[in-house]
Amino acid sequence: MADELDSASDSDPDEVLWQAWKAMELPEGYRAEIIEGAIEMSLTGCRRHAVLVNRLRRAVDTHVAHSGSAAHSGVNVIHRRKAWLPDLVVAPLDLDEIPDEEGFGVDAAGVELVIEITSPGHRDLQRDRIRKRREYARAGIPVCVIVDDFDDDGAVLVLTSPDRKKGKYADEHRVPYGTDAVVPEGPAKGFAIGKEIVAS
């Protein structure tokens, strides 16, 4: 391992982070991602987080059932030596169709939609609302949805038209809880995140 890090240090910082991330042994209940030039560790979600992930996964799977795609959780999305663990991704039903080159997850180029559910705390909110969405835009992921319990009384942000160079989505629609937030494109087109999903 030390040899890998030494040889990586002769190359570029992204490679150093990538080798360090691959070698990490995390305590149970933690996850690690490479976000904007740093390895970030965070706790896995609380009960409310798990409830939302499971409601969304079941509903998305029903919606995309005949499209050749499916909702997946717990899978790393890899792009140019960056690694993210979205709460949910919509990608081909068989993830073997879009492996990353080293087998640590799936290639971002094959991901059609990511869903992030915000976690409480300033640092976690900044990660979910800002840093990760910039990374998804840079990777060209067509649709990013952020389900945010902490935006006033709750809101869903639907982001489309990624601008890779600027690291932002050109189209942004914020929908307060209680009103349907609809995915406008891709295999999940027409999928609505409504009050039955976000209800406490």
N, C-alpha and C. Protein backbone atom coordinates (compact mmCIF):
# COMPACT_ATOMS: atom_id res chain seq x y z
N MET A 1 0.82 -1.20 0.00
CA MET A 1 0.00 0.00 0.00
C MET A 1 0.86 1.26 0.00
N ALA A 2 1.90 1.28 0.82
CA ALA A 2 2.78 2.44 0.87
C ALA A 2 3.42 2.68 -0.48
N ASP A 3 3.79 1.58 -1.18
CA ASP A 3 4.39 1.73 -2.50
C ASP A 3 3.40 2.37 -3.48
N GLU A 4 2.12 1.97 -3.39
CA GLU A 4 1.10 2.54 -4.27
C GLU A 4 0.96 4.04 -4.03
N LEU A 5 0.94 4.44 -2.75
CA LEU A 5 0.80 5.85 -2.43
C LEU A 5 2.04 6.63 -2.84
N ASP A 6 3.24 6.01 -2.67
CA ASP A 6 4.47 6.69 -3.08
C ASP A 6 4.48 6.92 -4.58
N SER A 7 4.09 5.89 -5.35
CA SER A 7 4.09 6.06 -6.81
C SER A 7 3.01 7.03 -7.22
N ALA A 8 1.89 7.04 -6.51
CA ALA A 8 0.82 7.98 -6.83
C ALA A 8 1.24 9.41 -6.54
N SER A 9 2.06 9.59 -5.49
CA SER A 9 2.45 10.95 -5.13
C SER A 9 3.34 11.57 -6.19
N ASP A 10 3.96 10.73 -7.03
CA ASP A 10 4.76 11.24 -8.14
C ASP A 10 3.88 11.70 -9.30
N SER A 11 2.60 11.37 -9.25
CA SER A 11 1.71 11.75 -10.35
C SER A 11 0.88 12.96 -9.94
N ASP A 12 -0.42 12.81 -9.89
CA ASP A 12 -1.25 13.98 -9.61
C ASP A 12 -2.06 13.78 -8.32
N PRO A 13 -2.55 14.88 -7.75
CA PRO A 13 -3.29 14.79 -6.48
C PRO A 13 -4.53 13.90 -6.56
N ASP A 14 -5.21 13.90 -7.70
CA ASP A 14 -6.39 13.04 -7.85
C ASP A 14 -6.03 11.57 -7.69
N GLU A 15 -4.87 11.19 -8.22
CA GLU A 15 -4.43 9.80 -8.10
C GLU A 15 -4.09 9.46 -6.65
N VAL A 16 -3.47 10.40 -5.94
CA VAL A 16 -3.15 10.18 -4.52
C VAL A 16 -4.44 9.94 -3.73
N LEU A 17 -5.42 10.80 -3.94
CA LEU A 17 -6.70 10.64 -3.24
C LEU A 17 -7.36 9.32 -3.60
N TRP A 18 -7.32 8.98 -4.88
CA TRP A 18 -7.94 7.75 -5.36
C TRP A 18 -7.31 6.53 -4.67
N GLN A 19 -5.98 6.48 -4.60
CA GLN A 19 -5.31 5.35 -3.97
C GLN A 19 -5.62 5.30 -2.46
N ALA A 20 -5.65 6.47 -1.83
CA ALA A 20 -5.97 6.52 -0.39
C ALA A 20 -7.41 6.06 -0.14
N TRP A 21 -8.34 6.52 -0.99
CA TRP A 21 -9.75 6.14 -0.84
C TRP A 21 -9.92 4.64 -1.00
N LYS A 22 -9.25 4.07 -1.99
CA LYS A 22 -9.37 2.62 -2.22
C LYS A 22 -8.86 1.81 -1.03
N ALA A 23 -7.85 2.35 -0.33
CA ALA A 23 -7.22 1.61 0.76
C ALA A 23 -7.92 1.81 2.11
N MET A 24 -8.91 2.69 2.17
CA MET A 24 -9.53 3.01 3.46
C MET A 24 -10.29 1.82 4.03
N GLU A 25 -10.15 1.65 5.33
CA GLU A 25 -10.97 0.68 6.06
C GLU A 25 -11.81 1.48 7.04
N LEU A 26 -13.10 1.57 6.73
CA LEU A 26 -13.99 2.44 7.50
C LEU A 26 -14.66 1.69 8.64
N PRO A 27 -14.89 2.36 9.76
CA PRO A 27 -15.69 1.74 10.82
C PRO A 27 -17.12 1.54 10.32
N GLU A 28 -17.79 0.58 10.88
CA GLU A 28 -19.18 0.32 10.50
C GLU A 28 -20.02 1.58 10.71
N GLY A 29 -20.88 1.85 9.74
CA GLY A 29 -21.76 3.01 9.84
C GLY A 29 -21.21 4.27 9.20
N TYR A 30 -20.02 4.18 8.58
CA TYR A 30 -19.42 5.33 7.91
C TYR A 30 -19.28 5.06 6.42
N ARG A 31 -19.22 6.15 5.67
CA ARG A 31 -18.92 6.05 4.25
C ARG A 31 -17.91 7.15 3.90
N ALA A 32 -17.19 6.94 2.80
CA ALA A 32 -16.19 7.92 2.37
C ALA A 32 -16.40 8.21 0.89
N GLU A 33 -16.28 9.48 0.53
CA GLU A 33 -16.43 9.92 -0.85
C GLU A 33 -15.29 10.87 -1.19
N ILE A 34 -14.95 10.95 -2.47
CA ILE A 34 -13.98 11.95 -2.92
C ILE A 34 -14.78 13.06 -3.56
N ILE A 35 -14.81 14.22 -2.89
CA ILE A 35 -15.63 15.34 -3.33
C ILE A 35 -14.75 16.58 -3.44
N GLU A 36 -14.65 17.11 -4.62
CA GLU A 36 -13.92 18.35 -4.89
C GLU A 36 -12.54 18.38 -4.24
N GLY A 37 -11.78 17.33 -4.51
CA GLY A 37 -10.38 17.32 -4.09
C GLY A 37 -10.12 16.93 -2.66
N ALA A 38 -11.09 16.31 -2.00
CA ALA A 38 -10.89 15.87 -0.61
C ALA A 38 -11.69 14.59 -0.35
N ILE A 39 -11.17 13.77 0.54
CA ILE A 39 -11.93 12.61 0.99
C ILE A 39 -12.79 13.05 2.15
N GLU A 40 -14.09 12.85 2.02
CA GLU A 40 -15.04 13.24 3.08
C GLU A 40 -15.70 11.99 3.64
N MET A 41 -15.61 11.87 4.96
CA MET A 41 -16.29 10.78 5.64
C MET A 41 -17.56 11.29 6.28
N SER A 42 -18.59 10.45 6.28
CA SER A 42 -19.84 10.83 6.92
C SER A 42 -20.52 9.58 7.45
N LEU A 43 -21.38 9.80 8.44
CA LEU A 43 -22.18 8.71 8.97
C LEU A 43 -23.26 8.33 7.97
N THR A 44 -23.62 7.06 7.96
CA THR A 44 -24.77 6.67 7.16
C THR A 44 -26.01 7.31 7.77
N GLY A 45 -27.08 7.37 7.00
CA GLY A 45 -28.26 8.14 7.39
C GLY A 45 -29.00 7.64 8.61
N CYS A 46 -29.81 8.54 9.17
CA CYS A 46 -30.66 8.22 10.31
C CYS A 46 -31.94 7.53 9.83
N ARG A 47 -32.86 7.25 10.75
CA ARG A 47 -34.10 6.55 10.40
C ARG A 47 -34.88 7.29 9.33
N ARG A 48 -35.08 8.60 9.49
CA ARG A 48 -35.84 9.38 8.51
C ARG A 48 -35.20 9.29 7.12
N HIS A 49 -33.88 9.35 7.10
CA HIS A 49 -33.14 9.23 5.85
C HIS A 49 -33.43 7.88 5.19
N ALA A 50 -33.38 6.81 5.97
CA ALA A 50 -33.64 5.46 5.45
C ALA A 50 -35.08 5.34 4.95
N VAL A 51 -36.02 5.94 5.67
CA VAL A 51 -37.43 5.90 5.24
C VAL A 51 -37.58 6.54 3.86
N LEU A 52 -36.98 7.73 3.69
CA LEU A 52 -37.09 8.42 2.41
C LEU A 52 -36.41 7.64 1.28
N VAL A 53 -35.22 7.10 1.53
CA VAL A 53 -34.53 6.32 0.51
C VAL A 53 -35.40 5.14 0.07
N ASN A 54 -35.97 4.42 1.02
CA ASN A 54 -36.76 3.24 0.68
C ASN A 54 -38.06 3.59 -0.02
N ARG A 55 -38.74 4.66 0.39
CA ARG A 55 -39.94 5.09 -0.31
C ARG A 55 -39.62 5.47 -1.75
N LEU A 56 -38.55 6.23 -1.92
CA LEU A 56 -38.15 6.66 -3.26
C LEU A 56 -37.75 5.48 -4.13
N ARG A 57 -36.97 4.56 -3.58
CA ARG A 57 -36.51 3.42 -4.37
C ARG A 57 -37.69 2.59 -4.87
N ARG A 58 -38.64 2.31 -3.98
CA ARG A 58 -39.80 1.51 -4.39
C ARG A 58 -40.62 2.24 -5.46
N ALA A 59 -40.85 3.54 -5.26
CA ALA A 59 -41.67 4.31 -6.19
C ALA A 59 -40.97 4.46 -7.55
N VAL A 60 -39.67 4.74 -7.54
CA VAL A 60 -38.94 4.87 -8.80
C VAL A 60 -38.91 3.54 -9.54
N ASP A 61 -38.66 2.44 -8.82
CA ASP A 61 -38.64 1.13 -9.47
C ASP A 61 -39.97 0.82 -10.16
N THR A 62 -41.06 1.16 -9.52
CA THR A 62 -42.38 0.95 -10.14
C THR A 62 -42.51 1.79 -11.40
N HIS A 63 -42.06 3.04 -11.32
CA HIS A 63 -42.20 3.97 -12.45
C HIS A 63 -41.35 3.55 -13.66
N VAL A 64 -40.15 3.04 -13.42
CA VAL A 64 -39.24 2.71 -14.53
C VAL A 64 -39.25 1.22 -14.87
N ALA A 65 -40.23 0.49 -14.37
CA ALA A 65 -40.23 -0.98 -14.45
C ALA A 65 -40.00 -1.54 -15.85
N HIS A 66 -40.50 -0.89 -16.88
CA HIS A 66 -40.39 -1.45 -18.23
C HIS A 66 -39.41 -0.67 -19.11
N SER A 67 -38.51 0.08 -18.47
CA SER A 67 -37.60 0.95 -19.23
C SER A 67 -36.21 0.35 -19.43
N GLY A 68 -35.92 -0.75 -18.74
CA GLY A 68 -34.56 -1.29 -18.77
C GLY A 68 -33.66 -0.67 -17.72
N SER A 69 -34.22 0.26 -16.93
CA SER A 69 -33.48 0.91 -15.85
C SER A 69 -34.08 0.52 -14.51
N ALA A 70 -33.37 0.87 -13.44
CA ALA A 70 -33.84 0.57 -12.09
C ALA A 70 -33.23 1.57 -11.12
N ALA A 71 -33.83 1.65 -9.94
CA ALA A 71 -33.27 2.46 -8.86
C ALA A 71 -32.31 1.59 -8.06
N HIS A 72 -31.14 2.14 -7.78
CA HIS A 72 -30.12 1.41 -7.02
C HIS A 72 -29.65 2.28 -5.85
N SER A 73 -29.42 1.66 -4.72
CA SER A 73 -28.82 2.38 -3.59
C SER A 73 -27.57 1.64 -3.16
N GLY A 74 -26.68 2.36 -2.48
CA GLY A 74 -25.47 1.72 -1.97
C GLY A 74 -24.42 1.43 -3.03
N VAL A 75 -24.44 2.19 -4.14
CA VAL A 75 -23.46 1.96 -5.20
C VAL A 75 -22.63 3.22 -5.43
N ASN A 76 -21.31 3.06 -5.49
CA ASN A 76 -20.43 4.18 -5.77
C ASN A 76 -20.55 4.60 -7.23
N VAL A 77 -20.58 5.91 -7.46
CA VAL A 77 -20.53 6.47 -8.80
C VAL A 77 -19.13 7.04 -8.98
N ILE A 78 -18.45 6.60 -10.03
CA ILE A 78 -17.05 6.95 -10.25
C ILE A 78 -16.92 7.81 -11.50
N HIS A 79 -16.12 8.91 -11.37
CA HIS A 79 -15.84 9.77 -12.52
C HIS A 79 -14.47 10.39 -12.35
N ARG A 80 -13.53 10.02 -13.23
CA ARG A 80 -12.19 10.62 -13.23
C ARG A 80 -11.54 10.67 -11.85
N ARG A 81 -11.45 9.52 -11.22
CA ARG A 81 -10.82 9.40 -9.90
C ARG A 81 -11.56 10.14 -8.80
N LYS A 82 -12.84 10.38 -9.00
CA LYS A 82 -13.73 10.90 -7.96
C LYS A 82 -14.70 9.76 -7.63
N ALA A 83 -15.17 9.72 -6.41
CA ALA A 83 -16.09 8.66 -6.00
C ALA A 83 -17.18 9.25 -5.11
N TRP A 84 -18.43 9.03 -5.49
CA TRP A 84 -19.56 9.54 -4.72
C TRP A 84 -20.51 8.40 -4.43
N LEU A 85 -21.22 8.53 -3.34
CA LEU A 85 -22.22 7.52 -2.97
C LEU A 85 -23.57 8.22 -2.83
N PRO A 86 -24.26 8.41 -3.96
CA PRO A 86 -25.59 9.05 -3.88
C PRO A 86 -26.55 8.15 -3.09
N ASP A 87 -27.61 8.76 -2.59
CA ASP A 87 -28.60 7.96 -1.87
C ASP A 87 -29.34 7.02 -2.82
N LEU A 88 -29.51 7.45 -4.05
CA LEU A 88 -30.20 6.64 -5.05
C LEU A 88 -29.69 7.02 -6.43
N VAL A 89 -29.54 6.04 -7.30
CA VAL A 89 -29.23 6.32 -8.70
C VAL A 89 -30.21 5.57 -9.57
N VAL A 90 -30.52 6.15 -10.72
CA VAL A 90 -31.26 5.43 -11.75
C VAL A 90 -30.25 5.14 -12.85
N ALA A 91 -30.11 3.85 -13.15
CA ALA A 91 -29.11 3.38 -14.10
C ALA A 91 -29.64 2.08 -14.70
N PRO A 92 -28.92 1.49 -15.66
CA PRO A 92 -29.40 0.23 -16.22
C PRO A 92 -29.70 -0.80 -15.13
N LEU A 93 -30.70 -1.62 -15.39
CA LEU A 93 -31.10 -2.67 -14.45
C LEU A 93 -29.90 -3.54 -14.07
N ASP A 94 -29.09 -3.88 -15.06
CA ASP A 94 -27.89 -4.67 -14.83
C ASP A 94 -26.70 -3.72 -14.76
N LEU A 95 -26.22 -3.47 -13.56
CA LEU A 95 -25.11 -2.53 -13.38
C LEU A 95 -23.81 -3.01 -14.02
N ASP A 96 -23.74 -4.29 -14.37
CA ASP A 96 -22.56 -4.78 -15.07
C ASP A 96 -22.41 -4.14 -16.45
N GLU A 97 -23.45 -3.48 -16.92
CA GLU A 97 -23.37 -2.78 -18.21
C GLU A 97 -22.53 -1.51 -18.11
N ILE A 98 -22.37 -0.96 -16.89
CA ILE A 98 -21.65 0.32 -16.75
C ILE A 98 -20.61 0.29 -15.62
N PRO A 99 -19.73 -0.71 -15.60
CA PRO A 99 -18.75 -0.76 -14.51
C PRO A 99 -17.72 0.35 -14.66
N ASP A 100 -17.16 0.77 -13.52
CA ASP A 100 -16.00 1.65 -13.62
C ASP A 100 -14.79 0.76 -13.90
N GLU A 101 -13.70 1.36 -14.32
CA GLU A 101 -12.58 0.57 -14.83
C GLU A 101 -11.92 -0.32 -13.78
N GLU A 102 -12.06 0.01 -12.49
CA GLU A 102 -11.41 -0.81 -11.47
C GLU A 102 -12.40 -1.63 -10.64
N GLY A 103 -13.67 -1.54 -10.95
CA GLY A 103 -14.66 -2.38 -10.28
C GLY A 103 -15.11 -1.91 -8.92
N PHE A 104 -14.95 -0.61 -8.63
CA PHE A 104 -15.37 -0.08 -7.32
C PHE A 104 -16.79 0.47 -7.33
N GLY A 105 -17.40 0.56 -8.49
CA GLY A 105 -18.75 1.11 -8.59
C GLY A 105 -19.19 1.13 -10.03
N VAL A 106 -19.91 2.17 -10.41
CA VAL A 106 -20.38 2.32 -11.78
C VAL A 106 -19.83 3.62 -12.35
N ASP A 107 -19.65 3.63 -13.66
CA ASP A 107 -19.17 4.82 -14.35
C ASP A 107 -20.28 5.86 -14.43
N ALA A 108 -19.97 7.08 -14.06
CA ALA A 108 -20.97 8.16 -14.05
C ALA A 108 -21.61 8.36 -15.41
N ALA A 109 -20.90 8.01 -16.49
CA ALA A 109 -21.44 8.18 -17.84
C ALA A 109 -22.70 7.35 -18.07
N GLY A 110 -22.89 6.28 -17.29
CA GLY A 110 -24.07 5.43 -17.46
C GLY A 110 -25.19 5.73 -16.48
N VAL A 111 -24.99 6.73 -15.60
CA VAL A 111 -26.00 7.07 -14.60
C VAL A 111 -26.95 8.11 -15.19
N GLU A 112 -28.24 7.85 -15.09
CA GLU A 112 -29.24 8.70 -15.71
C GLU A 112 -29.82 9.73 -14.76
N LEU A 113 -29.79 9.43 -13.47
CA LEU A 113 -30.36 10.32 -12.45
C LEU A 113 -29.73 9.99 -11.11
N VAL A 114 -29.46 11.01 -10.31
CA VAL A 114 -29.04 10.81 -8.92
C VAL A 114 -30.03 11.50 -8.00
N ILE A 115 -30.27 10.91 -6.85
CA ILE A 115 -31.11 11.53 -5.82
C ILE A 115 -30.30 11.60 -4.54
N GLU A 116 -30.23 12.80 -3.98
CA GLU A 116 -29.59 13.03 -2.69
C GLU A 116 -30.66 13.45 -1.69
N ILE A 117 -30.59 12.91 -0.50
CA ILE A 117 -31.46 13.30 0.60
C ILE A 117 -30.58 13.99 1.62
N THR A 118 -30.89 15.24 1.92
CA THR A 118 -30.00 16.03 2.78
C THR A 118 -29.95 15.47 4.20
N SER A 119 -28.79 15.68 4.81
CA SER A 119 -28.58 15.32 6.21
C SER A 119 -28.43 16.60 7.02
N PRO A 120 -28.81 16.56 8.30
CA PRO A 120 -28.72 17.78 9.12
C PRO A 120 -27.28 18.15 9.44
N GLY A 121 -27.09 19.41 9.78
CA GLY A 121 -25.76 19.91 10.12
C GLY A 121 -25.20 20.72 8.96
N HIS A 122 -24.56 21.84 9.29
CA HIS A 122 -24.07 22.76 8.27
C HIS A 122 -23.15 22.09 7.26
N ARG A 123 -22.18 21.33 7.73
CA ARG A 123 -21.22 20.69 6.83
C ARG A 123 -21.90 19.69 5.90
N ASP A 124 -22.82 18.88 6.47
CA ASP A 124 -23.52 17.89 5.66
C ASP A 124 -24.43 18.55 4.64
N LEU A 125 -25.11 19.62 5.03
CA LEU A 125 -25.98 20.33 4.09
C LEU A 125 -25.16 20.95 2.96
N GLN A 126 -24.02 21.52 3.27
CA GLN A 126 -23.16 22.09 2.22
C GLN A 126 -22.70 21.00 1.24
N ARG A 127 -22.37 19.84 1.78
CA ARG A 127 -21.96 18.72 0.93
C ARG A 127 -23.10 18.31 -0.01
N ASP A 128 -24.30 18.09 0.56
CA ASP A 128 -25.42 17.58 -0.23
C ASP A 128 -26.00 18.62 -1.19
N ARG A 129 -26.09 19.86 -0.73
CA ARG A 129 -26.73 20.90 -1.54
C ARG A 129 -25.80 21.53 -2.57
N ILE A 130 -24.51 21.60 -2.27
CA ILE A 130 -23.61 22.39 -3.11
C ILE A 130 -22.50 21.55 -3.74
N ARG A 131 -21.65 20.96 -2.90
CA ARG A 131 -20.45 20.32 -3.44
C ARG A 131 -20.77 19.11 -4.31
N LYS A 132 -21.66 18.24 -3.84
CA LYS A 132 -21.95 17.03 -4.62
C LYS A 132 -22.71 17.38 -5.90
N ARG A 133 -23.60 18.35 -5.84
CA ARG A 133 -24.33 18.69 -7.07
C ARG A 133 -23.39 19.28 -8.12
N ARG A 134 -22.36 20.01 -7.69
CA ARG A 134 -21.36 20.50 -8.65
C ARG A 134 -20.62 19.33 -9.28
N GLU A 135 -20.28 18.34 -8.47
CA GLU A 135 -19.59 17.17 -9.00
C GLU A 135 -20.46 16.41 -10.01
N TYR A 136 -21.73 16.26 -9.70
CA TYR A 136 -22.63 15.56 -10.62
C TYR A 136 -22.75 16.32 -11.94
N ALA A 137 -22.79 17.64 -11.88
CA ALA A 137 -22.86 18.45 -13.11
C ALA A 137 -21.57 18.27 -13.91
N ARG A 138 -20.41 18.30 -13.24
CA ARG A 138 -19.14 18.11 -13.94
C ARG A 138 -19.06 16.75 -14.62
N ALA A 139 -19.70 15.76 -14.03
CA ALA A 139 -19.71 14.41 -14.60
C ALA A 139 -20.75 14.28 -15.71
N GLY A 140 -21.61 15.28 -15.88
CA GLY A 140 -22.61 15.24 -16.94
C GLY A 140 -23.81 14.37 -16.63
N ILE A 141 -24.07 14.10 -15.35
CA ILE A 141 -25.26 13.30 -15.00
C ILE A 141 -26.49 14.14 -15.34
N PRO A 142 -27.39 13.62 -16.19
CA PRO A 142 -28.46 14.44 -16.75
C PRO A 142 -29.44 15.05 -15.75
N VAL A 143 -29.77 14.31 -14.70
CA VAL A 143 -30.76 14.81 -13.74
C VAL A 143 -30.25 14.58 -12.32
N CYS A 144 -30.33 15.62 -11.50
CA CYS A 144 -29.98 15.54 -10.08
C CYS A 144 -31.18 16.03 -9.28
N VAL A 145 -31.62 15.24 -8.33
CA VAL A 145 -32.75 15.61 -7.47
C VAL A 145 -32.26 15.66 -6.03
N ILE A 146 -32.57 16.76 -5.34
CA ILE A 146 -32.21 16.90 -3.93
C ILE A 146 -33.49 17.01 -3.12
N VAL A 147 -33.69 16.05 -2.24
CA VAL A 147 -34.85 16.04 -1.34
C VAL A 147 -34.37 16.61 -0.02
N ASP A 148 -34.92 17.77 0.35
CA ASP A 148 -34.33 18.57 1.42
C ASP A 148 -35.33 18.89 2.53
N ASP A 149 -35.29 18.11 3.60
CA ASP A 149 -36.15 18.33 4.77
C ASP A 149 -35.85 19.66 5.45
N PHE A 150 -34.66 20.24 5.19
CA PHE A 150 -34.18 21.39 5.95
C PHE A 150 -34.28 22.70 5.17
N ASP A 151 -34.94 22.70 4.04
CA ASP A 151 -35.20 23.90 3.25
C ASP A 151 -36.59 24.40 3.63
N ASP A 152 -36.66 25.38 4.53
CA ASP A 152 -37.94 25.84 5.10
C ASP A 152 -38.72 24.64 5.63
N ASP A 153 -39.93 24.43 5.14
CA ASP A 153 -40.73 23.28 5.58
C ASP A 153 -40.49 22.05 4.71
N GLY A 154 -39.43 22.08 3.94
CA GLY A 154 -39.08 20.97 3.06
C GLY A 154 -39.31 21.34 1.61
N ALA A 155 -38.38 20.93 0.75
CA ALA A 155 -38.51 21.20 -0.68
C ALA A 155 -37.72 20.17 -1.46
N VAL A 156 -38.13 20.00 -2.71
CA VAL A 156 -37.42 19.13 -3.65
C VAL A 156 -36.84 20.02 -4.75
N LEU A 157 -35.57 19.83 -5.02
CA LEU A 157 -34.89 20.59 -6.07
C LEU A 157 -34.61 19.64 -7.23
N VAL A 158 -35.10 19.98 -8.41
CA VAL A 158 -34.88 19.17 -9.61
C VAL A 158 -33.95 19.94 -10.53
N LEU A 159 -32.79 19.37 -10.82
CA LEU A 159 -31.75 20.02 -11.60
C LEU A 159 -31.52 19.25 -12.90
N THR A 160 -31.49 19.97 -14.03
CA THR A 160 -31.25 19.35 -15.33
C THR A 160 -30.32 20.23 -16.16
N SER A 161 -29.93 19.74 -17.31
CA SER A 161 -29.04 20.44 -18.24
C SER A 161 -27.69 20.76 -17.60
N PRO A 162 -26.89 19.71 -17.31
CA PRO A 162 -25.59 19.94 -16.66
C PRO A 162 -24.61 20.66 -17.59
N ASP A 163 -23.91 21.62 -17.02
CA ASP A 163 -22.82 22.32 -17.71
C ASP A 163 -21.53 21.81 -17.09
N ARG A 164 -20.84 20.94 -17.79
CA ARG A 164 -19.64 20.29 -17.24
C ARG A 164 -18.55 21.30 -16.90
N LYS A 165 -18.34 22.28 -17.75
CA LYS A 165 -17.26 23.23 -17.54
C LYS A 165 -17.51 24.11 -16.32
N LYS A 166 -18.75 24.56 -16.15
CA LYS A 166 -19.08 25.44 -15.04
C LYS A 166 -19.41 24.68 -13.76
N GLY A 167 -19.64 23.38 -13.87
CA GLY A 167 -19.99 22.59 -12.69
C GLY A 167 -21.32 22.99 -12.10
N LYS A 168 -22.29 23.23 -12.99
CA LYS A 168 -23.62 23.62 -12.50
C LYS A 168 -24.68 23.11 -13.47
N TYR A 169 -25.89 23.07 -12.96
CA TYR A 169 -27.04 22.71 -13.79
C TYR A 169 -27.72 23.99 -14.26
N ALA A 170 -28.00 24.06 -15.57
CA ALA A 170 -28.59 25.27 -16.14
C ALA A 170 -30.05 25.44 -15.74
N ASP A 171 -30.76 24.33 -15.57
CA ASP A 171 -32.18 24.40 -15.21
C ASP A 171 -32.39 23.91 -13.79
N GLU A 172 -33.07 24.71 -13.01
CA GLU A 172 -33.26 24.43 -11.58
C GLU A 172 -34.71 24.73 -11.21
N HIS A 173 -35.39 23.73 -10.64
CA HIS A 173 -36.79 23.92 -10.22
C HIS A 173 -36.93 23.48 -8.77
N ARG A 174 -37.30 24.42 -7.91
CA ARG A 174 -37.51 24.14 -6.49
C ARG A 174 -39.01 24.03 -6.23
N VAL A 175 -39.40 22.91 -5.63
CA VAL A 175 -40.82 22.65 -5.38
C VAL A 175 -41.02 22.37 -3.90
N PRO A 176 -41.82 23.18 -3.20
CA PRO A 176 -42.06 22.93 -1.77
C PRO A 176 -42.77 21.59 -1.55
N TYR A 177 -42.50 20.98 -0.40
CA TYR A 177 -43.23 19.77 -0.03
C TYR A 177 -44.73 20.04 -0.11
N GLY A 178 -45.46 19.03 -0.54
CA GLY A 178 -46.90 19.16 -0.69
C GLY A 178 -47.32 19.36 -2.13
N THR A 179 -46.37 19.74 -2.98
CA THR A 179 -46.61 19.88 -4.41
C THR A 179 -45.71 18.87 -5.12
N ASP A 180 -46.21 18.26 -6.18
CA ASP A 180 -45.41 17.26 -6.90
C ASP A 180 -44.21 17.89 -7.59
N ALA A 181 -43.04 17.31 -7.35
CA ALA A 181 -41.82 17.66 -8.09
C ALA A 181 -41.63 16.57 -9.13
N VAL A 182 -41.62 16.95 -10.40
CA VAL A 182 -41.66 15.96 -11.49
C VAL A 182 -40.33 15.92 -12.23
N VAL A 183 -39.84 14.71 -12.44
CA VAL A 183 -38.61 14.51 -13.22
C VAL A 183 -38.96 14.73 -14.70
N PRO A 184 -38.26 15.65 -15.38
CA PRO A 184 -38.68 16.04 -16.73
C PRO A 184 -38.11 15.21 -17.88
N GLU A 185 -37.13 14.34 -17.61
CA GLU A 185 -36.49 13.63 -18.73
C GLU A 185 -35.87 12.34 -18.25
N GLY A 186 -35.44 11.53 -19.21
CA GLY A 186 -34.78 10.27 -18.92
C GLY A 186 -35.77 9.15 -18.64
N PRO A 187 -35.28 7.99 -18.22
CA PRO A 187 -36.16 6.84 -17.97
C PRO A 187 -37.16 7.10 -16.85
N ALA A 188 -36.85 8.04 -15.95
CA ALA A 188 -37.78 8.37 -14.87
C ALA A 188 -38.67 9.56 -15.22
N LYS A 189 -38.71 9.94 -16.49
CA LYS A 189 -39.53 11.08 -16.91
C LYS A 189 -40.96 10.90 -16.43
N GLY A 190 -41.50 11.97 -15.81
CA GLY A 190 -42.86 11.92 -15.30
C GLY A 190 -42.97 11.43 -13.87
N PHE A 191 -41.88 10.92 -13.31
CA PHE A 191 -41.92 10.48 -11.91
C PHE A 191 -42.11 11.68 -11.00
N ALA A 192 -43.09 11.58 -10.12
CA ALA A 192 -43.42 12.69 -9.24
C ALA A 192 -43.08 12.37 -7.79
N ILE A 193 -42.36 13.29 -7.16
CA ILE A 193 -42.09 13.18 -5.73
C ILE A 193 -43.11 14.07 -5.03
N GLY A 194 -44.11 13.42 -4.46
CA GLY A 194 -45.21 14.12 -3.84
C GLY A 194 -45.27 13.91 -2.35
N LYS A 195 -46.37 14.36 -1.76
CA LYS A 195 -46.46 14.35 -0.29
C LYS A 195 -46.46 12.95 0.30
N GLU A 196 -46.90 11.95 -0.48
CA GLU A 196 -46.91 10.58 0.06
C GLU A 196 -45.49 10.06 0.27
N ILE A 197 -44.54 10.60 -0.45
CA ILE A 197 -43.13 10.17 -0.30
C ILE A 197 -42.46 10.96 0.82
N VAL A 198 -42.67 12.27 0.88
CA VAL A 198 -41.92 13.10 1.82
C VAL A 198 -42.63 13.27 3.18
N ALA A 199 -43.83 12.73 3.31
CA ALA A 199 -44.56 12.88 4.58
C ALA A 199 -43.78 12.32 5.75
N SER A 200 -43.86 13.01 6.88
CA SER A 200 -43.17 12.55 8.10
C SER A 200 -43.98 11.44 8.77
